[in-house]
């Protein structure tokens, strides 16, 4: 079982989303964290500047790193904007 933590920037980004999208993302993150290996649902990123892995939730992407049994959420955003600096 994994826990997830939001970096300050990611927490601000998710707060800006509409309540429906925010709820959908949080439910999916909860689902992933309860899995034995949530990385089976993730894709490893080629460009490590943004993080090690990403989850795809509809049109939104969750960029994160794994530290022991913690999914450290680095960035949350729409697929068109998430990979821009």
Protein backbone atom coordinates (compact mmCIF):
# COMPACT_ATOMS: atom_id res chain seq x y z
CA UNK A 1 0.00 0.00 0.00
CA UNK A 2 1.25 3.43 -0.95
CA UNK A 3 0.50 6.91 0.31
CA UNK A 4 0.50 10.00 -1.82
CA UNK A 5 1.72 13.47 -0.96
CA UNK A 6 1.41 16.67 -2.94
CA UNK A 7 4.26 19.10 -3.37
CA UNK A 8 3.09 22.66 -2.68
CA UNK A 9 2.97 23.53 -6.40
CA UNK A 10 0.91 20.43 -7.23
CA UNK A 11 -1.53 21.18 -4.40
CA UNK A 12 -2.08 24.68 -5.79
CA UNK A 13 -2.57 23.28 -9.29
CA UNK A 14 -5.21 20.78 -8.18
CA UNK A 15 -7.06 23.44 -6.18
CA UNK A 16 -7.45 25.51 -9.37
CA UNK A 17 -9.30 22.70 -11.15
CA UNK A 18 -13.08 22.43 -11.24
CA UNK A 19 -14.59 20.42 -8.36
CA UNK A 20 -15.67 17.57 -10.67
CA UNK A 21 -12.22 17.12 -12.19
CA UNK A 22 -10.52 17.47 -8.79
CA UNK A 23 -12.79 14.79 -7.30
CA UNK A 24 -12.15 12.44 -10.24
CA UNK A 25 -8.38 12.85 -9.91
CA UNK A 26 -8.39 12.35 -6.13
CA UNK A 27 -10.55 9.22 -6.40
CA UNK A 28 -8.22 7.76 -9.01
CA UNK A 29 -5.13 8.58 -6.92
CA UNK A 30 -6.79 6.87 -3.95
CA UNK A 31 -7.44 3.82 -6.14
CA UNK A 32 -3.82 3.75 -7.33
CA UNK A 33 -2.46 4.12 -3.80
CA UNK A 34 -4.44 1.08 -2.62
CA UNK A 35 -2.93 -1.17 -5.29
CA UNK A 36 -0.03 -3.46 -4.49
CA UNK A 37 2.01 -1.89 -7.29
CA UNK A 38 0.54 1.38 -8.60
CA UNK A 39 3.36 1.67 -11.14
CA UNK A 40 1.55 -0.89 -13.30
CA UNK A 41 -0.88 1.97 -14.10
CA UNK A 42 1.89 4.52 -14.65
CA UNK A 43 4.15 5.31 -17.56
CA UNK A 44 7.83 6.01 -17.05
CA UNK A 45 8.77 9.41 -18.44
CA UNK A 46 11.63 9.73 -20.88
CA UNK A 47 12.37 13.31 -19.79
CA UNK A 48 13.22 13.12 -16.09
CA UNK A 49 12.95 16.92 -15.66
CA UNK A 50 9.24 16.53 -15.01
CA UNK A 51 9.42 13.51 -12.73
CA UNK A 52 9.94 9.78 -13.01
CA UNK A 53 6.39 8.66 -13.84
CA UNK A 54 2.98 9.88 -14.91
CA UNK A 55 -0.60 8.78 -14.46
CA UNK A 56 -3.13 9.55 -17.17
CA UNK A 57 -6.58 10.46 -15.87
CA UNK A 58 -8.72 11.50 -18.81
CA UNK A 59 -7.21 14.65 -20.33
CA UNK A 60 -5.15 15.30 -17.19
CA UNK A 61 -1.69 14.09 -16.27
CA UNK A 62 -0.23 13.54 -12.81
CA UNK A 63 3.57 13.69 -12.74
CA UNK A 64 5.19 12.03 -9.75
CA UNK A 65 8.23 10.41 -8.20
CA UNK A 66 8.33 7.36 -5.95
CA UNK A 67 10.10 7.61 -2.58
CA UNK A 68 9.92 4.29 -0.69
CA UNK A 69 6.14 3.77 -0.35
CA UNK A 70 5.13 7.37 -1.12
CA UNK A 71 3.89 8.69 -4.44
CA UNK A 72 5.19 12.26 -4.42
CA UNK A 73 2.91 14.27 -6.71
CA UNK A 74 5.00 16.94 -8.45
CA UNK A 75 2.64 18.43 -11.01
CA UNK A 76 -1.04 18.21 -12.02
CA UNK A 77 -2.36 19.62 -15.28
CA UNK A 78 -4.09 19.29 -18.61
CA UNK A 79 -2.24 17.22 -21.18
CA UNK A 80 -1.72 20.24 -23.46
CA UNK A 81 0.01 22.26 -20.75
CA UNK A 82 1.65 19.84 -18.34
CA UNK A 83 4.96 19.40 -20.17
CA UNK A 84 5.58 23.12 -20.71
CA UNK A 85 7.95 24.87 -18.31
